[in-house]
């Protein structure tokens, strides 16, 4: 607890602009062509954007480019959990857990509007459970280790639950063989929104950032990296830089460094999937971990709004990294697991959305992916190319810190990292309990924009019709689409419906019905032709049709 002070809080003041921070793509592209940067970051996922933020805060001149959209890869298709990782204790990797829990609390502080506390429930069953009463005693010792390693920072420790308390949290859980439960605490996050906010904060601190800009090759001069050749809007752009950071995650598997001196880490993509079903089919108030018959891998069910997410599988993936899908087999694995544990009837027709993404595991082939440690690797090659890969969302800030340290060594120009206590846009001065206490539209906007929600509210005050929901059954408004186009670099219908909102996951078919209206708003805001808008709408409808076809087994 901090005592009151008469002094202004500089950080809160500086991160409370009176006008919206605009991600200006055209301005960034112009800077790409005109400036010489200290580093170019290739990859706009959570790791790449945090590298850009860290470097910008240290005073480096930074450019970042992403071939598709911010978080369009793994960083929008994660478990949406910010956690230490209980299973890493089971692997004996306590240092990773300890550090992850420290990073969890930093995210809770620096992005409090996006990262919220989340209780996890492990039911104890006498038969066919994850563990019975005897094994639960051993598992509770893991929870004590978890709490002591850093879980205590959340302000609440794990606890035992009676069968009645388990049913209070998940009333559809089958009572037969239920002996009780264990509850501990971690956090959740809208992963795509967090990545976008890190990118916007980096831009606020001076980084030049653009999506839909592909790095075609790394340029070299005199045996040292000298920049990146990029493909932007159908033309080539040369970005001059004294160093280059490759932060492309799983895509490093297919990355061609175009240099014989570059030795890539061994990347092993592992596919994880989630499906979304109506919450009333599950009725959980927390994340529930369920046993899946015949599998040692646990499944989880997390509530988000009026939907519940079921996930995840964890299998080696060798296919197209741009098009991983949740398959019919994946779906039935999760549905069957849920029906084994809960008094509910779930069928494929109940699945309203799905996602599939790949984790960039740093490991050679062989063994089970679930047993691979989630460590990261940072490599600096002789020509000055810096590569970062592995890790997980929770540790992205620390990965970025170490990556920028490596860049400093290349540049022989070191500055101190300050991201440990650097709030993201919307977080400075945010009071979560006050913001969401009264519910309604203000609470919805607060959990997505934090203190910046006032700028979306201003759009609504100017044009009240913008309160119209953009997708039937979901709380997202037309005002949020306008804001996404003006200030969040949303360029396509997919950018809006898959990442600026999570409509595609929460209501895939309804989002398709909204695609034309989203395209109309983007057309007006971005000056797109009717031909371009129609092409975007058709492309989005084609994407969700293929996603549904694969899910239902019609396209395998």
Protein backbone atom coordinates (compact mmCIF):
# COMPACT_ATOMS: atom_id res chain seq x y z
CA UNK A 1 0.00 0.00 0.00
CA UNK A 2 1.33 3.39 -0.99
CA UNK A 3 0.68 6.50 1.07
CA UNK A 4 -1.09 9.45 -0.60
CA UNK A 5 1.19 11.98 -2.25
CA UNK A 6 0.79 15.54 -3.40
CA UNK A 7 3.19 14.92 -6.28
CA UNK A 8 1.85 14.10 -9.72
CA UNK A 9 2.41 10.54 -10.88
CA UNK A 10 4.48 11.15 -13.99
CA UNK A 11 3.89 7.71 -15.49
CA UNK A 12 0.12 7.98 -15.15
CA UNK A 13 0.20 11.49 -16.57
CA UNK A 14 2.34 10.57 -19.56
CA UNK A 15 0.21 7.51 -20.39
CA UNK A 16 -3.06 9.44 -20.16
CA UNK A 17 -3.12 11.34 -23.47
CA UNK A 18 -6.08 13.63 -24.06
CA UNK A 19 -6.55 12.35 -27.61
CA UNK A 20 -6.48 8.73 -28.84
CA UNK A 21 -3.11 7.26 -29.73
CA UNK A 22 -3.30 6.49 -33.42
CA UNK A 23 -1.46 3.62 -35.06
CA UNK A 24 -0.74 5.47 -38.31
CA UNK A 25 0.27 2.90 -40.88
CA UNK A 26 1.02 5.34 -43.69
CA UNK A 27 3.25 7.40 -41.43
CA UNK A 28 5.11 4.24 -40.32
CA UNK A 29 5.67 3.13 -43.92
CA UNK A 30 7.02 6.57 -44.79
CA UNK A 31 9.41 6.28 -41.86
CA UNK A 32 10.47 2.81 -43.07
CA UNK A 33 11.65 4.41 -46.30
CA UNK A 34 13.21 7.56 -44.85
CA UNK A 35 14.92 6.64 -41.58
CA UNK A 36 17.78 4.42 -40.49
CA UNK A 37 16.79 2.40 -37.44
CA UNK A 38 18.77 0.81 -34.63
CA UNK A 39 16.72 -2.37 -35.01
CA UNK A 40 14.00 -3.82 -37.19
CA UNK A 41 11.74 -6.39 -35.54
CA UNK A 42 10.25 -9.02 -37.85
CA UNK A 43 7.07 -10.46 -36.35
CA UNK A 44 4.07 -8.78 -34.73
CA UNK A 45 3.13 -11.36 -32.12
CA UNK A 46 3.41 -10.81 -28.38
CA UNK A 47 7.18 -11.38 -28.35
CA UNK A 48 7.95 -9.10 -31.30
CA UNK A 49 5.71 -6.28 -30.08
CA UNK A 50 7.23 -6.45 -26.59
CA UNK A 51 10.73 -6.30 -28.15
CA UNK A 52 9.65 -3.14 -29.98
CA UNK A 53 8.23 -1.63 -26.77
CA UNK A 54 11.29 -2.48 -24.68
CA UNK A 55 13.67 -1.08 -27.29
CA UNK A 56 11.63 2.10 -27.78
CA UNK A 57 11.56 2.74 -24.03
CA UNK A 58 15.35 2.37 -23.93
CA UNK A 59 15.69 5.09 -26.57
CA UNK A 60 16.48 2.94 -29.59
CA UNK A 61 15.02 3.80 -32.99
CA UNK A 62 12.68 0.89 -33.73
CA UNK A 63 10.73 -0.44 -36.69
CA UNK A 64 8.38 -3.45 -36.56
CA UNK A 65 6.62 -5.18 -39.41
CA UNK A 66 4.10 -8.02 -39.41
CA UNK A 67 3.21 -9.94 -42.57
CA UNK A 68 -0.47 -10.34 -41.65
CA UNK A 69 -2.00 -8.64 -38.61
CA UNK A 70 -0.79 -8.16 -35.06
CA UNK A 71 -1.33 -11.43 -33.14
CA UNK A 72 -2.71 -13.18 -36.23
CA UNK A 73 -0.56 -16.24 -35.51
CA UNK A 74 -0.05 -17.96 -32.16
CA UNK A 75 -0.70 -14.80 -30.14
CA UNK A 76 -4.43 -14.81 -30.88
CA UNK A 77 -4.82 -18.57 -30.55
CA UNK A 78 -3.38 -19.30 -27.12
CA UNK A 79 -5.14 -20.66 -24.04
CA UNK A 80 -5.72 -17.00 -23.06
CA UNK A 81 -4.16 -17.72 -19.69
CA UNK A 82 -1.39 -15.83 -17.92
CA UNK A 83 0.06 -18.41 -15.58
CA UNK A 84 3.09 -19.97 -14.01
CA UNK A 85 2.29 -23.45 -15.29
CA UNK A 86 1.55 -26.13 -12.76
CA UNK A 87 2.71 -28.85 -15.12
CA UNK A 88 6.16 -27.26 -15.23
CA UNK A 89 6.45 -28.00 -11.51
CA UNK A 90 5.55 -31.58 -12.36
CA UNK A 91 8.41 -31.49 -14.88
CA UNK A 92 10.75 -30.23 -12.17
CA UNK A 93 11.15 -26.84 -13.85
CA UNK A 94 10.57 -24.73 -10.74
CA UNK A 95 12.74 -21.80 -11.95
CA UNK A 96 10.44 -21.32 -14.96
CA UNK A 97 7.38 -21.39 -12.69
CA UNK A 98 8.87 -18.93 -10.24
CA UNK A 99 9.80 -16.52 -13.01
CA UNK A 100 6.47 -16.95 -14.82
CA UNK A 101 4.55 -16.09 -11.67
CA UNK A 102 6.64 -12.94 -11.22
CA UNK A 103 5.91 -11.98 -14.83
CA UNK A 104 2.23 -12.76 -14.30
CA UNK A 105 2.03 -10.14 -11.58
CA UNK A 106 3.89 -7.61 -13.69
CA UNK A 107 1.27 -8.08 -16.39
CA UNK A 108 -1.48 -7.82 -13.79
CA UNK A 109 -0.03 -4.45 -12.79
CA UNK A 110 1.04 -3.13 -16.19
CA UNK A 111 -2.05 -4.28 -18.09
CA UNK A 112 -4.66 -4.44 -15.34
CA UNK A 113 -7.55 -3.71 -17.72
CA UNK A 114 -6.69 -6.73 -19.85
CA UNK A 115 -5.33 -9.30 -17.37
CA UNK A 116 -7.76 -10.44 -14.67
CA UNK A 117 -7.54 -12.97 -11.87
CA UNK A 118 -8.92 -16.39 -12.78
CA UNK A 119 -9.70 -19.23 -10.35
CA UNK A 120 -8.85 -22.78 -11.46
CA UNK A 121 -10.79 -25.75 -10.10
CA UNK A 122 -9.45 -29.30 -9.94
CA UNK A 123 -12.21 -31.75 -8.95
CA UNK A 124 -11.18 -34.73 -6.85
CA UNK A 125 -12.88 -37.95 -7.93
CA UNK A 126 -12.74 -41.34 -6.27
CA UNK A 127 -12.83 -43.05 -9.69
CA UNK A 128 -11.67 -42.00 -13.18
CA UNK A 129 -10.48 -38.56 -12.16
CA UNK A 130 -7.30 -36.62 -12.76
CA UNK A 131 -6.44 -37.81 -9.29
CA UNK A 132 -8.24 -39.47 -6.40
CA UNK A 133 -8.21 -38.42 -2.74
CA UNK A 134 -4.86 -40.13 -2.11
CA UNK A 135 -3.16 -38.50 -5.12
CA UNK A 136 -4.82 -35.19 -4.26
CA UNK A 137 -2.64 -34.96 -1.17
CA UNK A 138 0.45 -35.13 -3.34
CA UNK A 139 -1.05 -32.65 -5.80
CA UNK A 140 -1.78 -30.22 -2.99
CA UNK A 141 1.93 -30.20 -2.19
CA UNK A 142 2.46 -28.98 -5.78
CA UNK A 143 -0.04 -26.21 -5.11
CA UNK A 144 1.88 -25.21 -1.99
CA UNK A 145 5.02 -25.10 -4.10
CA UNK A 146 3.13 -22.99 -6.64
CA UNK A 147 1.92 -20.56 -3.98
CA UNK A 148 5.37 -20.25 -2.42
CA UNK A 149 7.02 -19.85 -5.83
CA UNK A 150 4.97 -16.72 -6.44
CA UNK A 151 1.29 -17.54 -6.46
CA UNK A 152 1.00 -15.66 -3.16
CA UNK A 153 1.52 -12.40 -5.05
CA UNK A 154 -2.11 -12.60 -6.18
CA UNK A 155 -3.13 -12.11 -2.55
CA UNK A 156 -4.95 -15.42 -2.19
CA UNK A 157 -3.68 -18.97 -1.70
CA UNK A 158 -5.08 -22.27 -2.95
CA UNK A 159 -7.82 -23.93 -0.90
CA UNK A 160 -9.71 -27.20 -0.54
CA UNK A 161 -13.34 -27.39 -1.60
CA UNK A 162 -16.12 -29.64 -0.43
CA UNK A 163 -18.27 -31.43 -3.05
CA UNK A 164 -20.96 -28.80 -2.43
CA UNK A 165 -18.49 -25.98 -3.15
CA UNK A 166 -17.37 -27.67 -6.36
CA UNK A 167 -20.99 -27.82 -7.50
CA UNK A 168 -21.48 -24.18 -6.59
CA UNK A 169 -18.70 -23.33 -9.06
CA UNK A 170 -19.81 -25.82 -11.72
CA UNK A 171 -23.34 -27.08 -11.00
CA UNK A 172 -23.39 -29.49 -13.95
CA UNK A 173 -20.41 -31.47 -12.69
CA UNK A 174 -21.40 -35.10 -12.12
CA UNK A 175 -21.83 -35.73 -8.39
CA UNK A 176 -21.08 -39.44 -8.59
CA UNK A 177 -17.57 -40.15 -7.27
CA UNK A 178 -17.04 -36.44 -6.48
CA UNK A 179 -14.96 -36.17 -3.29
CA UNK A 180 -14.30 -32.43 -3.40
CA UNK A 181 -11.84 -30.18 -5.15
CA UNK A 182 -8.82 -27.91 -5.06
CA UNK A 183 -8.87 -24.32 -6.23
CA UNK A 184 -5.91 -22.10 -7.02
CA UNK A 185 -5.53 -18.79 -8.84
CA UNK A 186 -3.90 -17.54 -12.02
CA UNK A 187 -5.03 -15.01 -14.62
CA UNK A 188 -6.64 -14.73 -18.04
CA UNK A 189 -6.17 -12.29 -20.93
CA UNK A 190 -7.58 -11.47 -24.33
CA UNK A 191 -4.30 -12.41 -26.02
CA UNK A 192 -4.94 -10.55 -29.28
CA UNK A 193 -5.97 -7.40 -27.48
CA UNK A 194 -2.88 -7.55 -25.23
CA UNK A 195 -0.60 -7.88 -28.26
CA UNK A 196 -2.29 -4.97 -30.00
CA UNK A 197 -2.01 -2.82 -26.87
CA UNK A 198 1.71 -3.59 -26.54
CA UNK A 199 2.13 -2.58 -30.21
CA UNK A 200 0.22 0.68 -29.71
CA UNK A 201 2.22 1.46 -26.58
CA UNK A 202 5.46 0.89 -28.52
CA UNK A 203 4.20 3.29 -31.19
CA UNK A 204 3.30 5.80 -28.47
CA UNK A 205 6.93 5.67 -27.36
CA UNK A 206 8.24 6.26 -30.88
CA UNK A 207 8.37 2.91 -32.71
CA UNK A 208 7.36 2.76 -36.39
CA UNK A 209 4.93 -0.15 -36.71
CA UNK A 210 2.96 -1.62 -39.60
CA UNK A 211 0.86 -4.72 -40.20
CA UNK A 212 0.25 -6.39 -43.58
CA UNK A 213 3.92 -5.71 -44.35
CA UNK A 214 6.01 -8.81 -45.10
CA UNK A 215 9.75 -9.13 -44.54
CA UNK A 216 10.97 -10.71 -47.78
CA UNK A 217 14.64 -10.99 -46.82
CA UNK A 218 17.32 -9.75 -44.44
CA UNK A 219 19.79 -7.38 -46.08
CA UNK A 220 23.52 -7.54 -45.40
CA UNK A 221 26.44 -5.27 -46.16
CA UNK A 222 30.09 -6.05 -45.44
CA UNK A 223 29.10 -9.29 -43.73
CA UNK A 224 26.73 -7.56 -41.28
CA UNK A 225 22.96 -7.14 -41.31
CA UNK A 226 21.95 -3.79 -42.72
CA UNK A 227 18.18 -3.94 -42.78
CA UNK A 228 15.18 -5.72 -44.26
CA UNK A 229 13.63 -5.82 -47.72
CA UNK A 230 9.86 -5.71 -47.21
CA UNK A 231 6.82 -6.19 -49.40
CA UNK A 232 4.28 -3.50 -48.55
CA UNK A 233 1.07 -2.90 -50.48
CA UNK A 234 2.40 -4.53 -53.62
CA UNK A 235 5.79 -2.81 -53.71
CA UNK A 236 9.25 -3.34 -52.28
CA UNK A 237 10.44 -1.17 -49.40
CA UNK A 238 14.00 -1.16 -48.09
CA UNK A 239 14.21 -0.61 -44.33
CA UNK A 240 17.71 0.37 -43.24
CA UNK A 241 18.79 -0.80 -39.82
CA UNK A 242 21.91 -1.53 -37.77
CA UNK A 243 20.42 -4.77 -36.41
CA UNK A 244 17.53 -7.15 -37.11
CA UNK A 245 15.47 -9.18 -34.64
CA UNK A 246 13.57 -12.22 -35.94
CA UNK A 247 10.60 -12.95 -33.66
CA UNK A 248 8.36 -15.05 -35.88
CA UNK A 249 7.59 -17.92 -33.48
CA UNK A 250 6.68 -21.21 -35.16
CA UNK A 251 7.29 -19.65 -38.57
CA UNK A 252 11.02 -19.86 -37.84
CA UNK A 253 10.66 -23.47 -38.98
CA UNK A 254 10.20 -22.22 -42.55
CA UNK A 255 12.28 -19.03 -42.27
CA UNK A 256 15.07 -18.70 -44.83
CA UNK A 257 17.83 -16.54 -43.35
CA UNK A 258 19.62 -16.43 -46.74
CA UNK A 259 22.99 -16.75 -45.06
CA UNK A 260 25.19 -19.79 -44.61
CA UNK A 261 26.45 -18.40 -41.29
CA UNK A 262 23.03 -18.47 -39.65
CA UNK A 263 22.18 -21.54 -37.56
CA UNK A 264 18.50 -21.66 -36.68
CA UNK A 265 17.29 -23.17 -33.40
CA UNK A 266 15.46 -26.50 -33.69
CA UNK A 267 11.77 -25.54 -33.85
CA UNK A 268 9.02 -28.04 -33.19
CA UNK A 269 5.53 -26.55 -33.69
CA UNK A 270 2.84 -28.16 -31.54
CA UNK A 271 -0.83 -27.60 -32.33
CA UNK A 272 -3.30 -26.58 -29.66
CA UNK A 273 -7.03 -26.10 -30.21
CA UNK A 274 -10.04 -24.60 -28.48
CA UNK A 275 -13.74 -24.79 -29.26
CA UNK A 276 -16.43 -22.43 -28.00
CA UNK A 277 -19.89 -23.53 -26.84
CA UNK A 278 -22.76 -21.58 -25.27
CA UNK A 279 -22.11 -20.99 -21.58
CA UNK A 280 -25.49 -22.36 -20.54
CA UNK A 281 -24.30 -25.77 -21.72
CA UNK A 282 -21.50 -25.68 -19.13
CA UNK A 283 -22.55 -23.12 -16.47
CA UNK A 284 -19.06 -22.79 -14.99
CA UNK A 285 -18.07 -19.73 -12.96
CA UNK A 286 -14.34 -20.51 -13.06
CA UNK A 287 -11.92 -22.54 -15.13
CA UNK A 288 -12.63 -26.22 -14.57
CA UNK A 289 -10.04 -28.89 -15.29
CA UNK A 290 -11.60 -32.15 -16.43
CA UNK A 291 -10.28 -35.67 -16.93
CA UNK A 292 -10.46 -37.17 -20.40
CA UNK A 293 -10.87 -40.97 -20.42
CA UNK A 294 -7.94 -42.77 -21.97
CA UNK A 295 -5.73 -39.69 -22.09
CA UNK A 296 -3.19 -38.39 -19.58
CA UNK A 297 -3.62 -34.86 -20.97
CA UNK A 298 -6.12 -32.75 -19.05
CA UNK A 299 -8.69 -30.51 -20.70
CA UNK A 300 -9.92 -27.18 -19.37
CA UNK A 301 -13.16 -25.24 -19.67
CA UNK A 302 -13.01 -21.46 -19.24
CA UNK A 303 -15.95 -19.07 -19.25
CA UNK A 304 -15.69 -15.88 -21.30
CA UNK A 305 -18.86 -13.81 -21.50
CA UNK A 306 -21.72 -15.98 -22.70
CA UNK A 307 -19.44 -18.67 -24.08
CA UNK A 308 -17.22 -21.34 -22.60
CA UNK A 309 -13.92 -22.36 -24.20
CA UNK A 310 -12.89 -26.01 -24.17
CA UNK A 311 -9.24 -26.81 -24.84
CA UNK A 312 -6.65 -27.97 -25.52
CA UNK A 313 -4.90 -30.75 -27.36
CA UNK A 314 -1.13 -30.71 -27.78
CA UNK A 315 0.26 -32.57 -30.78
CA UNK A 316 3.14 -32.21 -33.22
CA UNK A 317 2.20 -30.18 -36.28
CA UNK A 318 3.93 -30.38 -39.65
CA UNK A 319 1.35 -28.68 -41.86
CA UNK A 320 0.90 -25.16 -43.23
CA UNK A 321 1.62 -22.79 -40.35
CA UNK A 322 -0.75 -20.20 -41.82
CA UNK A 323 -3.66 -22.63 -41.79
CA UNK A 324 -3.87 -24.86 -38.72
CA UNK A 325 -7.41 -25.95 -37.99
CA UNK A 326 -9.38 -27.58 -35.24
CA UNK A 327 -10.40 -30.89 -36.80
CA UNK A 328 -13.43 -33.08 -36.26
CA UNK A 329 -11.28 -35.44 -34.21
CA UNK A 330 -10.06 -32.56 -32.01
CA UNK A 331 -13.63 -31.37 -31.49
CA UNK A 332 -14.99 -34.78 -30.48
CA UNK A 333 -12.08 -35.29 -28.08
CA UNK A 334 -13.09 -32.10 -26.24
CA UNK A 335 -16.86 -32.65 -26.44
CA UNK A 336 -16.57 -36.23 -25.21
CA UNK A 337 -14.33 -35.12 -22.35
CA UNK A 338 -16.83 -32.48 -21.27
CA UNK A 339 -19.76 -34.90 -21.39
CA UNK A 340 -17.83 -37.48 -19.39
CA UNK A 341 -17.37 -34.95 -16.57
CA UNK A 342 -20.58 -32.92 -16.81
CA UNK A 343 -24.32 -33.57 -16.88
CA UNK A 344 -24.69 -31.96 -20.29
CA UNK A 345 -25.48 -32.99 -23.82
CA UNK A 346 -23.09 -31.49 -26.35
CA UNK A 347 -23.11 -32.06 -30.09
CA UNK A 348 -21.12 -30.54 -32.98
CA UNK A 349 -24.06 -28.21 -33.65
CA UNK A 350 -23.38 -26.56 -30.26
CA UNK A 351 -19.88 -25.49 -31.30
CA UNK A 352 -20.14 -21.78 -32.17
CA UNK A 353 -16.46 -21.23 -32.96
CA UNK A 354 -12.99 -22.74 -32.90
CA UNK A 355 -9.32 -21.78 -33.03
CA UNK A 356 -6.13 -23.68 -33.70
CA UNK A 357 -2.64 -22.37 -33.20
CA UNK A 358 0.91 -23.64 -32.91
CA UNK A 359 3.29 -23.32 -30.00
CA UNK A 360 6.92 -22.71 -31.02
CA UNK A 361 8.62 -25.37 -28.93
CA UNK A 362 12.42 -25.28 -28.92
CA UNK A 363 13.16 -29.00 -29.06
CA UNK A 364 14.34 -31.75 -31.39
CA UNK A 365 11.87 -34.35 -32.68
CA UNK A 366 10.88 -37.23 -30.44
CA UNK A 367 8.86 -37.71 -27.27
CA UNK A 368 5.56 -36.08 -26.36
CA UNK A 369 5.10 -32.35 -26.94
CA UNK A 370 3.37 -32.02 -23.57
CA UNK A 371 6.64 -33.05 -21.92
CA UNK A 372 8.73 -30.37 -23.68
CA UNK A 373 9.81 -27.53 -21.40
CA UNK A 374 8.57 -24.08 -22.42
CA UNK A 375 11.97 -22.43 -22.28
CA UNK A 376 13.02 -19.85 -24.85
CA UNK A 377 16.20 -19.37 -26.85
CA UNK A 378 17.90 -16.18 -28.01
CA UNK A 379 20.66 -16.49 -30.58
CA UNK A 380 22.99 -13.85 -32.00
CA UNK A 381 24.68 -14.80 -35.26
CA UNK A 382 28.04 -13.57 -36.51
CA UNK A 383 26.40 -11.08 -38.86
CA UNK A 384 24.44 -9.49 -35.99
CA UNK A 385 21.08 -11.16 -36.68
CA UNK A 386 19.25 -11.76 -33.36
CA UNK A 387 16.67 -14.54 -33.19
CA UNK A 388 14.26 -15.15 -30.31
CA UNK A 389 11.89 -18.12 -30.16
CA UNK A 390 10.07 -20.33 -27.67
CA UNK A 391 8.73 -19.38 -24.26
CA UNK A 392 5.12 -18.44 -23.72
CA UNK A 393 2.84 -15.42 -23.53
CA UNK A 394 3.36 -14.95 -19.79
CA UNK A 395 7.13 -14.55 -20.16
CA UNK A 396 7.10 -12.40 -23.31
CA UNK A 397 8.21 -9.26 -21.49
CA UNK A 398 11.27 -10.99 -20.04
CA UNK A 399 12.08 -12.59 -23.39
CA UNK A 400 11.97 -9.13 -24.93
CA UNK A 401 14.25 -7.74 -22.22
CA UNK A 402 16.89 -10.37 -22.93
CA UNK A 403 16.49 -9.91 -26.69
CA UNK A 404 17.04 -6.16 -26.50
CA UNK A 405 20.05 -6.81 -24.25
CA UNK A 406 21.42 -8.93 -27.11
CA UNK A 407 20.71 -6.12 -29.58
CA UNK A 408 22.59 -3.73 -27.30
CA UNK A 409 25.61 -6.02 -27.46
CA UNK A 410 25.44 -6.01 -31.27
CA UNK A 411 25.19 -2.21 -31.36
CA UNK A 412 27.66 -1.74 -28.51
CA UNK A 413 25.10 0.69 -27.14
CA UNK A 414 23.45 -0.51 -23.95
CA UNK A 415 20.55 1.03 -22.05
CA UNK A 416 18.69 -0.17 -18.96
CA UNK A 417 15.40 -2.05 -19.36
CA UNK A 418 12.39 -0.31 -17.80
CA UNK A 419 9.45 -2.48 -18.88
CA UNK A 420 9.12 -4.17 -15.46
CA UNK A 421 7.11 -1.19 -14.27
CA UNK A 422 5.95 0.30 -17.57
CA UNK A 423 2.14 0.42 -17.88
CA UNK A 424 0.50 -0.22 -21.21
CA UNK A 425 -1.91 2.27 -22.72
CA UNK A 426 -5.20 2.15 -20.84
CA UNK A 427 -3.68 0.71 -17.66
CA UNK A 428 -2.33 3.79 -15.88
CA UNK A 429 -4.89 4.88 -13.30
CA UNK A 430 -7.28 2.04 -14.14
CA UNK A 431 -9.43 0.71 -11.28
CA UNK A 432 -10.92 -2.58 -12.38
CA UNK A 433 -13.42 -2.98 -9.57
CA UNK A 434 -14.80 0.52 -10.04
CA UNK A 435 -14.83 0.23 -13.81
CA UNK A 436 -16.92 -2.94 -14.03
CA UNK A 437 -19.00 -2.68 -10.85
CA UNK A 438 -22.08 -1.21 -12.53
CA UNK A 439 -21.98 -3.42 -15.63
CA UNK A 440 -23.44 -2.40 -18.95
CA UNK A 441 -21.64 -0.86 -21.91
CA UNK A 442 -19.18 1.15 -19.77
CA UNK A 443 -17.95 -2.06 -18.10
CA UNK A 444 -17.64 -3.82 -21.45
CA UNK A 445 -15.54 -0.98 -22.86
CA UNK A 446 -13.44 -0.69 -19.71
CA UNK A 447 -12.34 -4.33 -19.85
CA UNK A 448 -11.22 -3.85 -23.44
CA UNK A 449 -9.79 -0.33 -23.46
CA UNK A 450 -9.14 0.58 -19.83
CA UNK A 451 -8.90 4.32 -19.33
CA UNK A 452 -8.93 4.76 -23.12
CA UNK A 453 -12.58 3.66 -23.17
CA UNK A 454 -13.47 7.34 -22.89
CA UNK A 455 -12.43 7.79 -26.52
CA UNK A 456 -14.87 5.11 -27.68
CA UNK A 457 -17.54 6.66 -25.47
CA UNK A 458 -16.86 10.01 -27.19
CA UNK A 459 -17.61 8.43 -30.57
CA UNK A 460 -20.91 7.18 -29.19
CA UNK A 461 -21.76 10.56 -27.68
CA UNK A 462 -21.18 12.15 -31.08
CA UNK A 463 -23.16 9.48 -32.96
CA UNK A 464 -25.47 7.49 -30.63
CA UNK A 465 -26.35 5.05 -33.43
CA UNK A 466 -22.84 3.63 -33.02
CA UNK A 467 -24.09 1.73 -29.96
CA UNK A 468 -25.66 -0.73 -32.43
CA UNK A 469 -24.22 -4.23 -31.85
CA UNK A 470 -22.07 -5.29 -34.78
CA UNK A 471 -22.64 -9.03 -34.24
CA UNK A 472 -25.96 -10.42 -33.09
CA UNK A 473 -25.73 -11.74 -29.52
CA UNK A 474 -22.34 -10.16 -28.71
CA UNK A 475 -21.62 -6.86 -26.90
CA UNK A 476 -19.28 -5.36 -29.54
CA UNK A 477 -20.57 -2.11 -31.01
CA UNK A 478 -20.15 -0.28 -34.29
CA UNK A 479 -18.22 2.37 -32.35
CA UNK A 480 -15.51 -0.21 -31.65
CA UNK A 481 -15.20 -0.95 -35.37
CA UNK A 482 -14.80 2.75 -36.11
CA UNK A 483 -12.20 3.06 -33.36
CA UNK A 484 -10.35 -0.01 -34.65
CA UNK A 485 -10.08 1.51 -38.12
CA UNK A 486 -9.04 4.96 -36.91
CA UNK A 487 -6.67 4.12 -34.08
CA UNK A 488 -5.83 0.38 -34.04
CA UNK A 489 -4.65 -0.18 -37.63
CA UNK A 490 -7.50 -2.55 -38.50
CA UNK A 491 -7.25 -2.97 -42.26
CA UNK A 492 -9.57 -5.87 -43.06
CA UNK A 493 -12.85 -7.45 -42.04
CA UNK A 494 -10.86 -10.34 -40.58
CA UNK A 495 -8.72 -7.94 -38.51
CA UNK A 496 -11.90 -6.65 -36.86
CA UNK A 497 -13.91 -9.83 -36.39
CA UNK A 498 -11.03 -12.18 -35.45
CA UNK A 499 -8.76 -9.95 -33.33
CA UNK A 500 -10.02 -6.41 -32.59
CA UNK A 501 -13.07 -8.30 -31.37
CA UNK A 502 -13.28 -12.06 -30.76
CA UNK A 503 -16.52 -12.47 -32.69
CA UNK A 504 -15.17 -15.21 -34.96
CA UNK A 505 -14.38 -17.44 -32.00
CA UNK A 506 -17.46 -16.59 -29.95
CA UNK A 507 -20.03 -16.67 -32.78
CA UNK A 508 -18.52 -17.74 -36.09
CA UNK A 509 -21.68 -17.83 -38.21
CA UNK A 510 -23.14 -14.65 -36.72
CA UNK A 511 -19.84 -12.90 -37.44
CA UNK A 512 -20.24 -13.92 -41.07
CA UNK A 513 -23.61 -12.20 -41.15
CA UNK A 514 -21.93 -9.05 -39.78
CA UNK A 515 -19.07 -9.07 -42.30
CA UNK A 516 -20.81 -6.84 -44.84
CA UNK A 517 -21.56 -4.13 -42.25
CA UNK A 518 -17.98 -4.27 -40.93
CA UNK A 519 -16.73 -3.93 -44.51
CA UNK A 520 -19.00 -0.94 -45.04
CA UNK A 521 -17.60 0.83 -41.98
CA UNK A 522 -14.01 0.04 -42.95
CA UNK A 523 -14.68 1.26 -46.47
CA UNK A 524 -15.91 4.61 -45.18
CA UNK A 525 -13.07 5.00 -42.66
CA UNK A 526 -10.19 3.82 -44.86
CA UNK A 527 -11.40 5.04 -48.23
CA UNK A 528 -11.70 1.56 -49.70
CA UNK A 529 -13.47 0.99 -53.01
CA UNK A 530 -16.63 -1.06 -53.19
CA UNK A 531 -14.63 -3.70 -55.07
CA UNK A 532 -12.07 -3.91 -52.24
CA UNK A 533 -14.79 -4.12 -49.59
CA UNK A 534 -16.60 -6.90 -51.42
CA UNK A 535 -13.35 -8.82 -51.82
CA UNK A 536 -12.65 -8.56 -48.08
CA UNK A 537 -16.14 -9.76 -47.18
CA UNK A 538 -15.91 -12.71 -49.58
CA UNK A 539 -12.47 -13.60 -48.24
CA UNK A 540 -13.74 -13.60 -44.66
CA UNK A 541 -16.78 -15.69 -45.54
CA UNK A 542 -14.49 -18.14 -47.33
CA UNK A 543 -12.24 -18.39 -44.27
CA UNK A 544 -15.03 -19.18 -41.83
CA UNK A 545 -16.63 -21.61 -44.27
CA UNK A 546 -13.40 -23.58 -44.54
CA UNK A 547 -12.92 -23.45 -40.76
CA UNK A 548 -16.40 -24.92 -40.23
CA UNK A 549 -15.95 -27.50 -42.99
CA UNK A 550 -12.74 -28.86 -41.47
CA UNK A 551 -14.33 -28.87 -38.01
CA UNK A 552 -17.29 -30.88 -39.24
CA UNK A 553 -15.15 -33.33 -41.21
CA UNK A 554 -16.30 -32.16 -44.63
CA UNK A 555 -12.88 -30.92 -45.80
CA UNK A 556 -10.36 -33.51 -44.67
